[in-house]
Amino acid sequence: MTTNAGPATHVLDNPAWASLSGAHAAFAERAVRPGAGPSSLSRAARYPSDVSPFAALADPADPDAWADLRRLVGDGGTAALAGVLTPPDGWETVGTVTGVQLVDTSLRAEPAPEAVRLGPGDVPEILGLIELTKPGPFLPRTVELGTYLGIRHRGRLIAMAGERLRPPGWTEISAVCTHPDHQGRGLATRLVRAVAAGIRERGDVPFLHTAASNTTAIRLYESIGFTLRRRPSFTAVRAPGNTAANFS
């Protein structure tokens, strides 16, 4: 069996697991280990399929974690993982995206008076903007993960940003996007600063991910005070077996 070597040494090396084990524990779906007592928790977890596509392993080098993930997704089921380059024997790599992880080192965080809080009632409009701009996965209940802010023009949502993963001491800024008709006005920057202000108020440090190929976004984030920390991979894997699970 071949996996990445060694456990994560920093909470941001495995942020989905840290979130599902901490601030987002209420969202965590875990498989039940056969014969295990109530104190023996699964070493794999995932978000509900309408909240986030991410699953996570406590340690990608641990065979028990992979066994727990297989129990969770079922034979032939798929999972989206961060930081796993090579799954163990029997697992299939469905797709891989190279990303970048950036952390706030000198961002000027400040409220945006024109921004409004987005909630479940805004989801249809949010999903329309996400489909148009494709900043990354956003599902019907993603808005429950944290604070999402938007800017409207003549009543229509034209830009948004919000919070996703929440490992201890950190909060990820995600779903940063602007309608093509309103780009170039600094709306995304204002929303990132405003979301960061809320994150800082509770004592966390902002961080974010984007695709390594999205050089325009990377340059923007670096110009406003984010610094590259690492280049994680995002890997979709399929469990051994022939029964496909309905997981996305």
C-alpha atoms as a PDB file:
ATOM      1  CA  MET A   1       0.000   0.000   0.000  1.00  0.00           C
ATOM      2  CA  THR A   2       1.345   3.406  -0.980  1.00  0.00           C
ATOM      3  CA  THR A   3       0.240   6.676   0.571  1.00  0.00           C
ATOM      4  CA  ASN A   4       1.713  10.055   1.382  1.00  0.00           C
ATOM      5  CA  ALA A   5       4.396   9.776   4.026  1.00  0.00           C
ATOM      6  CA  GLY A   6       3.723  10.812   7.570  1.00  0.00           C
ATOM      7  CA  PRO A   7       0.935  12.646   9.350  1.00  0.00           C
ATOM      8  CA  ALA A   8       0.320  16.341   8.894  1.00  0.00           C
ATOM      9  CA  THR A   9       2.520  18.482  11.114  1.00  0.00           C
ATOM     10  CA  HIS A  10       0.495  21.711  10.918  1.00  0.00           C
ATOM     11  CA  VAL A  11      -3.249  22.172  11.241  1.00  0.00           C
ATOM     12  CA  LEU A  12      -3.363  23.777   7.774  1.00  0.00           C
ATOM     13  CA  ASP A  13      -1.786  20.662   6.254  1.00  0.00           C
ATOM     14  CA  ASN A  14      -5.084  18.844   6.850  1.00  0.00           C
ATOM     15  CA  PRO A  15      -7.685  21.607   7.290  1.00  0.00           C
ATOM     16  CA  ALA A  16     -10.757  19.585   6.331  1.00  0.00           C
ATOM     17  CA  TRP A  17     -10.054  16.982   9.022  1.00  0.00           C
ATOM     18  CA  ALA A  18      -9.308  19.691  11.575  1.00  0.00           C
ATOM     19  CA  SER A  19     -12.606  21.396  10.714  1.00  0.00           C
ATOM     20  CA  LEU A  20     -14.683  18.214  10.821  1.00  0.00           C
ATOM     21  CA  SER A  21     -13.065  17.306  14.153  1.00  0.00           C
ATOM     22  CA  GLY A  22     -13.592  20.772  15.621  1.00  0.00           C
ATOM     23  CA  ALA A  23     -15.751  23.744  14.631  1.00  0.00           C
ATOM     24  CA  HIS A  24     -17.674  21.727  12.024  1.00  0.00           C
ATOM     25  CA  ALA A  25     -18.057  18.526  14.053  1.00  0.00           C
ATOM     26  CA  ALA A  26     -21.844  18.857  13.846  1.00  0.00           C
ATOM     27  CA  PHE A  27     -21.606  18.365  10.076  1.00  0.00           C
ATOM     28  CA  ALA A  28     -19.282  15.344  10.224  1.00  0.00           C
ATOM     29  CA  GLU A  29     -20.492  12.058   8.795  1.00  0.00           C
ATOM     30  CA  ARG A  30     -18.479   9.071  10.015  1.00  0.00           C
ATOM     31  CA  ALA A  31     -18.733   5.340   9.400  1.00  0.00           C
ATOM     32  CA  VAL A  32     -19.333   3.010  12.343  1.00  0.00           C
ATOM     33  CA  ARG A  33     -16.452   0.649  12.987  1.00  0.00           C
ATOM     34  CA  PRO A  34     -17.632  -2.958  13.411  1.00  0.00           C
ATOM     35  CA  GLY A  35     -17.291  -4.009  17.028  1.00  0.00           C
ATOM     36  CA  ALA A  36     -15.809  -0.707  18.088  1.00  0.00           C
ATOM     37  CA  GLY A  37     -16.900   0.992  21.278  1.00  0.00           C
ATOM     38  CA  PRO A  38     -18.509   4.442  21.301  1.00  0.00           C
ATOM     39  CA  SER A  39     -15.187   6.092  22.164  1.00  0.00           C
ATOM     40  CA  SER A  40     -13.454   4.667  19.081  1.00  0.00           C
ATOM     41  CA  LEU A  41     -14.198   7.236  16.394  1.00  0.00           C
ATOM     42  CA  SER A  42     -13.711   6.662  12.705  1.00  0.00           C
ATOM     43  CA  ARG A  43     -10.482   8.129  11.356  1.00  0.00           C
ATOM     44  CA  ALA A  44     -12.301   9.334   8.244  1.00  0.00           C
ATOM     45  CA  ALA A  45     -15.129  11.833   7.934  1.00  0.00           C
ATOM     46  CA  ARG A  46     -16.964  13.841   5.318  1.00  0.00           C
ATOM     47  CA  TYR A  47     -19.398  16.716   4.998  1.00  0.00           C
ATOM     48  CA  PRO A  48     -22.984  15.986   3.935  1.00  0.00           C
ATOM     49  CA  SER A  49     -23.210  15.891   0.146  1.00  0.00           C
ATOM     50  CA  ASP A  50     -25.343  19.072   0.055  1.00  0.00           C
ATOM     51  CA  VAL A  51     -22.888  21.016   2.262  1.00  0.00           C
ATOM     52  CA  SER A  52     -19.417  20.347   0.830  1.00  0.00           C
ATOM     53  CA  PRO A  53     -17.771  17.768  -1.435  1.00  0.00           C
ATOM     54  CA  PHE A  54     -14.840  17.285   0.945  1.00  0.00           C
ATOM     55  CA  ALA A  55     -13.967  14.191   2.918  1.00  0.00           C
ATOM     56  CA  ALA A  56     -10.898  13.888   5.125  1.00  0.00           C
ATOM     57  CA  LEU A  57      -8.537  11.369   6.690  1.00  0.00           C
ATOM     58  CA  ALA A  58      -6.966  11.818  10.106  1.00  0.00           C
ATOM     59  CA  ASP A  59      -3.691  10.575   8.587  1.00  0.00           C
ATOM     60  CA  PRO A  60      -3.330   9.664   4.884  1.00  0.00           C
ATOM     61  CA  ALA A  61      -0.543   7.226   5.837  1.00  0.00           C
ATOM     62  CA  ASP A  62      -2.821   5.226   8.166  1.00  0.00           C
ATOM     63  CA  PRO A  63      -4.408   2.103   6.602  1.00  0.00           C
ATOM     64  CA  ASP A  64      -7.173   2.223   9.236  1.00  0.00           C
ATOM     65  CA  ALA A  65      -8.171   5.694   8.045  1.00  0.00           C
ATOM     66  CA  TRP A  66      -8.552   4.424   4.490  1.00  0.00           C
ATOM     67  CA  ALA A  67     -10.561   1.437   5.755  1.00  0.00           C
ATOM     68  CA  ASP A  68     -12.837   3.857   7.600  1.00  0.00           C
ATOM     69  CA  LEU A  69     -13.207   5.974   4.458  1.00  0.00           C
ATOM     70  CA  ARG A  70     -14.208   2.891   2.475  1.00  0.00           C
ATOM     71  CA  ARG A  71     -16.862   2.066   5.067  1.00  0.00           C
ATOM     72  CA  LEU A  72     -18.096   5.656   4.834  1.00  0.00           C
ATOM     73  CA  VAL A  73     -18.382   5.962   1.041  1.00  0.00           C
ATOM     74  CA  GLY A  74     -19.163   2.309   0.322  1.00  0.00           C
ATOM     75  CA  ASP A  75     -17.651  -0.009  -2.274  1.00  0.00           C
ATOM     76  CA  GLY A  76     -17.062   1.963  -5.436  1.00  0.00           C
ATOM     77  CA  GLY A  77     -17.911   5.232  -3.696  1.00  0.00           C
ATOM     78  CA  THR A  78     -15.927   8.406  -4.300  1.00  0.00           C
ATOM     79  CA  ALA A  79     -14.442  11.055  -2.047  1.00  0.00           C
ATOM     80  CA  ALA A  80     -12.736  14.404  -2.615  1.00  0.00           C
ATOM     81  CA  LEU A  81      -9.616  14.732  -0.470  1.00  0.00           C
ATOM     82  CA  ALA A  82      -7.003  17.444   0.024  1.00  0.00           C
ATOM     83  CA  GLY A  83      -3.317  16.631   0.154  1.00  0.00           C
ATOM     84  CA  VAL A  84      -3.465  13.006  -1.001  1.00  0.00           C
ATOM     85  CA  LEU A  85      -1.305  12.446  -4.062  1.00  0.00           C
ATOM     86  CA  THR A  86      -1.336   8.641  -4.236  1.00  0.00           C
ATOM     87  CA  PRO A  87      -4.150   6.525  -2.771  1.00  0.00           C
ATOM     88  CA  PRO A  88      -3.473   3.024  -1.465  1.00  0.00           C
ATOM     89  CA  ASP A  89      -3.612  -0.086  -3.615  1.00  0.00           C
ATOM     90  CA  GLY A  90      -7.121  -0.863  -4.812  1.00  0.00           C
ATOM     91  CA  TRP A  91      -8.237   2.763  -4.778  1.00  0.00           C
ATOM     92  CA  GLU A  92      -8.568   4.647  -8.055  1.00  0.00           C
ATOM     93  CA  THR A  93      -7.587   8.270  -8.616  1.00  0.00           C
ATOM     94  CA  VAL A  94     -10.512   9.873 -10.448  1.00  0.00           C
ATOM     95  CA  GLY A  95      -8.992  13.335 -10.810  1.00  0.00           C
ATOM     96  CA  THR A  96      -6.397  15.671  -9.324  1.00  0.00           C
ATOM     97  CA  VAL A  97      -6.180  19.461  -9.198  1.00  0.00           C
ATOM     98  CA  THR A  98      -3.034  21.232  -8.002  1.00  0.00           C
ATOM     99  CA  GLY A  99      -3.892  24.124  -5.740  1.00  0.00           C
ATOM    100  CA  VAL A 100      -2.242  26.802  -3.663  1.00  0.00           C
ATOM    101  CA  GLN A 101      -2.846  27.655  -0.039  1.00  0.00           C
ATOM    102  CA  LEU A 102      -2.296  31.278   0.955  1.00  0.00           C
ATOM    103  CA  VAL A 103      -2.355  32.763   4.450  1.00  0.00           C
ATOM    104  CA  ASP A 104      -2.992  36.290   5.661  1.00  0.00           C
ATOM    105  CA  THR A 105       0.276  37.999   6.565  1.00  0.00           C
ATOM    106  CA  SER A 106      -0.504  41.683   5.934  1.00  0.00           C
ATOM    107  CA  LEU A 107      -4.130  41.968   4.796  1.00  0.00           C
ATOM    108  CA  ARG A 108      -5.967  45.172   5.681  1.00  0.00           C
ATOM    109  CA  ALA A 109      -9.246  43.822   7.052  1.00  0.00           C
ATOM    110  CA  GLU A 110     -12.159  46.241   7.222  1.00  0.00           C
ATOM    111  CA  PRO A 111     -15.967  46.144   6.999  1.00  0.00           C
ATOM    112  CA  ALA A 112     -17.742  46.831   3.716  1.00  0.00           C
ATOM    113  CA  PRO A 113     -20.791  48.994   4.532  1.00  0.00           C
ATOM    114  CA  GLU A 114     -22.490  48.028   1.274  1.00  0.00           C
ATOM    115  CA  ALA A 115     -22.192  44.278   1.933  1.00  0.00           C
ATOM    116  CA  VAL A 116     -25.196  42.269   3.124  1.00  0.00           C
ATOM    117  CA  ARG A 117     -25.307  38.976   5.008  1.00  0.00           C
ATOM    118  CA  LEU A 118     -26.414  36.088   2.810  1.00  0.00           C
ATOM    119  CA  GLY A 119     -28.512  33.213   4.109  1.00  0.00           C
ATOM    120  CA  PRO A 120     -30.571  30.200   3.017  1.00  0.00           C
ATOM    121  CA  GLY A 121     -33.122  32.413   1.267  1.00  0.00           C
ATOM    122  CA  ASP A 122     -30.374  33.700  -1.041  1.00  0.00           C
ATOM    123  CA  VAL A 123     -29.156  30.246  -2.105  1.00  0.00           C
ATOM    124  CA  PRO A 124     -30.883  30.112  -5.530  1.00  0.00           C
ATOM    125  CA  GLU A 125     -29.315  33.446  -6.486  1.00  0.00           C
ATOM    126  CA  ILE A 126     -25.956  32.407  -5.013  1.00  0.00           C
ATOM    127  CA  LEU A 127     -25.973  29.194  -7.039  1.00  0.00           C
ATOM    128  CA  GLY A 128     -26.704  31.192 -10.182  1.00  0.00           C
ATOM    129  CA  LEU A 129     -23.694  33.443  -9.568  1.00  0.00           C
ATOM    130  CA  ILE A 130     -21.511  30.415  -8.739  1.00  0.00           C
ATOM    131  CA  GLU A 131     -22.551  28.684 -11.967  1.00  0.00           C
ATOM    132  CA  LEU A 132     -21.680  31.796 -13.954  1.00  0.00           C
ATOM    133  CA  THR A 133     -18.294  32.484 -12.347  1.00  0.00           C
ATOM    134  CA  LYS A 134     -17.170  29.006 -11.170  1.00  0.00           C
ATOM    135  CA  PRO A 135     -15.015  29.968  -8.158  1.00  0.00           C
ATOM    136  CA  GLY A 136     -15.209  26.406  -6.818  1.00  0.00           C
ATOM    137  CA  PRO A 137     -17.777  24.044  -5.335  1.00  0.00           C
ATOM    138  CA  PHE A 138     -20.796  25.593  -3.639  1.00  0.00           C
ATOM    139  CA  LEU A 139     -23.801  23.474  -2.693  1.00  0.00           C
ATOM    140  CA  PRO A 140     -27.311  24.218  -1.362  1.00  0.00           C
ATOM    141  CA  ARG A 141     -26.212  24.156   2.309  1.00  0.00           C
ATOM    142  CA  THR A 142     -22.653  25.510   1.982  1.00  0.00           C
ATOM    143  CA  VAL A 143     -23.961  28.819   3.303  1.00  0.00           C
ATOM    144  CA  GLU A 144     -24.385  27.131   6.721  1.00  0.00           C
ATOM    145  CA  LEU A 145     -20.606  26.756   7.164  1.00  0.00           C
ATOM    146  CA  GLY A 146     -19.995  30.382   8.104  1.00  0.00           C
ATOM    147  CA  THR A 147     -20.643  34.019   7.269  1.00  0.00           C
ATOM    148  CA  TYR A 148     -21.279  34.820   3.614  1.00  0.00           C
ATOM    149  CA  LEU A 149     -21.421  38.411   2.435  1.00  0.00           C
ATOM    150  CA  GLY A 150     -22.701  39.792  -0.857  1.00  0.00           C
ATOM    151  CA  ILE A 151     -22.977  43.030  -2.762  1.00  0.00           C
ATOM    152  CA  ARG A 152     -26.121  43.805  -4.742  1.00  0.00           C
ATOM    153  CA  HIS A 153     -26.700  46.160  -7.652  1.00  0.00           C
ATOM    154  CA  ARG A 154     -30.297  47.131  -8.354  1.00  0.00           C
ATOM    155  CA  GLY A 155     -31.367  44.202  -6.211  1.00  0.00           C
ATOM    156  CA  ARG A 156     -29.289  41.600  -8.036  1.00  0.00           C
ATOM    157  CA  LEU A 157     -26.418  39.743  -6.344  1.00  0.00           C
ATOM    158  CA  ILE A 158     -23.242  40.690  -8.229  1.00  0.00           C
ATOM    159  CA  ALA A 159     -20.409  39.656  -5.877  1.00  0.00           C
ATOM    160  CA  MET A 160     -19.883  37.451  -2.840  1.00  0.00           C
ATOM    161  CA  ALA A 161     -17.349  35.856  -0.506  1.00  0.00           C
ATOM    162  CA  GLY A 162     -17.621  33.824   2.665  1.00  0.00           C
ATOM    163  CA  GLU A 163     -16.213  31.326   5.155  1.00  0.00           C
ATOM    164  CA  ARG A 164     -15.730  27.607   4.593  1.00  0.00           C
ATOM    165  CA  LEU A 165     -13.195  25.428   6.467  1.00  0.00           C
ATOM    166  CA  ARG A 166     -12.501  26.296  10.110  1.00  0.00           C
ATOM    167  CA  PRO A 167      -9.479  24.487  11.541  1.00  0.00           C
ATOM    168  CA  PRO A 168      -8.558  25.705  15.046  1.00  0.00           C
ATOM    169  CA  GLY A 169      -7.244  29.266  14.926  1.00  0.00           C
ATOM    170  CA  TRP A 170      -7.944  29.707  11.206  1.00  0.00           C
ATOM    171  CA  THR A 171     -10.871  30.343   8.863  1.00  0.00           C
ATOM    172  CA  GLU A 172     -10.857  29.796   5.126  1.00  0.00           C
ATOM    173  CA  ILE A 173     -12.220  32.501   2.835  1.00  0.00           C
ATOM    174  CA  SER A 174     -14.038  30.909  -0.084  1.00  0.00           C
ATOM    175  CA  ALA A 175     -16.552  31.411  -2.916  1.00  0.00           C
ATOM    176  CA  VAL A 176     -14.968  34.730  -3.900  1.00  0.00           C
ATOM    177  CA  CYS A 177     -16.611  35.785  -7.157  1.00  0.00           C
ATOM    178  CA  THR A 178     -17.934  38.761  -9.111  1.00  0.00           C
ATOM    179  CA  HIS A 179     -20.435  38.858 -11.958  1.00  0.00           C
ATOM    180  CA  PRO A 180     -18.550  39.430 -15.260  1.00  0.00           C
ATOM    181  CA  ASP A 181     -20.497  42.651 -15.890  1.00  0.00           C
ATOM    182  CA  HIS A 182     -19.131  44.161 -12.659  1.00  0.00           C
ATOM    183  CA  GLN A 183     -15.523  42.992 -12.577  1.00  0.00           C
ATOM    184  CA  GLY A 184     -12.676  45.485 -12.300  1.00  0.00           C
ATOM    185  CA  ARG A 185     -14.392  47.569  -9.593  1.00  0.00           C
ATOM    186  CA  GLY A 186     -12.630  46.010  -6.599  1.00  0.00           C
ATOM    187  CA  LEU A 187     -15.763  44.287  -5.298  1.00  0.00           C
ATOM    188  CA  ALA A 188     -14.021  40.997  -4.565  1.00  0.00           C
ATOM    189  CA  THR A 189     -11.249  42.766  -2.663  1.00  0.00           C
ATOM    190  CA  ARG A 190     -13.777  44.678  -0.549  1.00  0.00           C
ATOM    191  CA  LEU A 191     -15.623  41.492   0.289  1.00  0.00           C
ATOM    192  CA  VAL A 192     -12.434  39.583   1.144  1.00  0.00           C
ATOM    193  CA  ARG A 193     -11.414  42.406   3.498  1.00  0.00           C
ATOM    194  CA  ALA A 194     -14.902  42.417   5.070  1.00  0.00           C
ATOM    195  CA  VAL A 195     -15.029  38.643   5.581  1.00  0.00           C
ATOM    196  CA  ALA A 196     -11.495  38.806   7.013  1.00  0.00           C
ATOM    197  CA  ALA A 197     -12.595  41.502   9.465  1.00  0.00           C
ATOM    198  CA  GLY A 198     -15.183  39.133  10.923  1.00  0.00           C
ATOM    199  CA  ILE A 199     -12.654  36.321  11.082  1.00  0.00           C
ATOM    200  CA  ARG A 200     -10.142  38.505  12.886  1.00  0.00           C
ATOM    201  CA  GLU A 201     -12.806  39.659  15.388  1.00  0.00           C
ATOM    202  CA  ARG A 202     -13.115  36.143  16.752  1.00  0.00           C
ATOM    203  CA  GLY A 203      -9.350  35.709  16.897  1.00  0.00           C
ATOM    204  CA  ASP A 204      -8.817  33.549  13.811  1.00  0.00           C
ATOM    205  CA  VAL A 205      -6.412  34.109  10.923  1.00  0.00           C
ATOM    206  CA  PRO A 206      -7.781  34.106   7.351  1.00  0.00           C
ATOM    207  CA  PHE A 207      -6.443  31.710   4.739  1.00  0.00           C
ATOM    208  CA  LEU A 208      -7.675  30.527   1.365  1.00  0.00           C
ATOM    209  CA  HIS A 209      -7.202  28.083  -1.478  1.00  0.00           C
ATOM    210  CA  THR A 210      -7.363  28.466  -5.217  1.00  0.00           C
ATOM    211  CA  ALA A 211      -6.223  26.488  -8.235  1.00  0.00           C
ATOM    212  CA  ALA A 212      -2.537  26.859  -9.046  1.00  0.00           C
ATOM    213  CA  SER A 213      -3.588  27.643 -12.610  1.00  0.00           C
ATOM    214  CA  ASN A 214      -5.631  30.666 -11.466  1.00  0.00           C
ATOM    215  CA  THR A 215      -2.688  33.038 -11.644  1.00  0.00           C
ATOM    216  CA  THR A 216      -4.890  36.133 -11.848  1.00  0.00           C
ATOM    217  CA  ALA A 217      -6.521  35.361  -8.497  1.00  0.00           C
ATOM    218  CA  ILE A 218      -3.177  34.452  -6.922  1.00  0.00           C
ATOM    219  CA  ARG A 219      -1.655  37.774  -7.960  1.00  0.00           C
ATOM    220  CA  LEU A 220      -4.665  39.617  -6.535  1.00  0.00           C
ATOM    221  CA  TYR A 221      -4.498  37.801  -3.195  1.00  0.00           C
ATOM    222  CA  GLU A 222      -0.751  38.350  -2.886  1.00  0.00           C
ATOM    223  CA  SER A 223      -1.165  42.035  -3.720  1.00  0.00           C
ATOM    224  CA  ILE A 224      -3.598  42.561  -0.826  1.00  0.00           C
ATOM    225  CA  GLY A 225      -1.589  40.746   1.829  1.00  0.00           C
ATOM    226  CA  PHE A 226      -1.765  36.959   1.418  1.00  0.00           C
ATOM    227  CA  THR A 227       1.392  34.843   1.215  1.00  0.00           C
ATOM    228  CA  LEU A 228       1.821  31.436  -0.402  1.00  0.00           C
ATOM    229  CA  ARG A 229       2.186  28.751   2.263  1.00  0.00           C
ATOM    230  CA  ARG A 230       2.025  25.476   0.317  1.00  0.00           C
ATOM    231  CA  ARG A 231       0.809  23.802  -2.867  1.00  0.00           C
ATOM    232  CA  PRO A 232      -1.675  21.092  -1.865  1.00  0.00           C
ATOM    233  CA  SER A 233      -3.296  18.680  -4.283  1.00  0.00           C
ATOM    234  CA  PHE A 234      -7.038  18.060  -4.343  1.00  0.00           C
ATOM    235  CA  THR A 235      -7.682  14.464  -5.319  1.00  0.00           C
ATOM    236  CA  ALA A 236     -10.906  12.615  -6.070  1.00  0.00           C
ATOM    237  CA  VAL A 237     -10.587   8.912  -5.292  1.00  0.00           C
ATOM    238  CA  ARG A 238     -12.811   5.889  -5.806  1.00  0.00           C
ATOM    239  CA  ALA A 239     -12.959   3.058  -3.267  1.00  0.00           C
ATOM    240  CA  PRO A 240     -12.384  -0.553  -4.278  1.00  0.00           C
ATOM    241  CA  GLY A 241     -15.512  -2.464  -5.216  1.00  0.00           C
ATOM    242  CA  ASN A 242     -18.206  -2.361  -7.851  1.00  0.00           C
ATOM    243  CA  THR A 243     -21.124  -0.659  -6.126  1.00  0.00           C
ATOM    244  CA  ALA A 244     -21.031   3.030  -7.018  1.00  0.00           C
ATOM    245  CA  ALA A 245     -22.128   5.327  -4.180  1.00  0.00           C
ATOM    246  CA  ASN A 246     -24.144   8.454  -4.880  1.00  0.00           C
ATOM    247  CA  PHE A 247     -21.560  10.900  -3.554  1.00  0.00           C
ATOM    248  CA  SER A 248     -20.419  14.147  -5.120  1.00  0.00           C
END
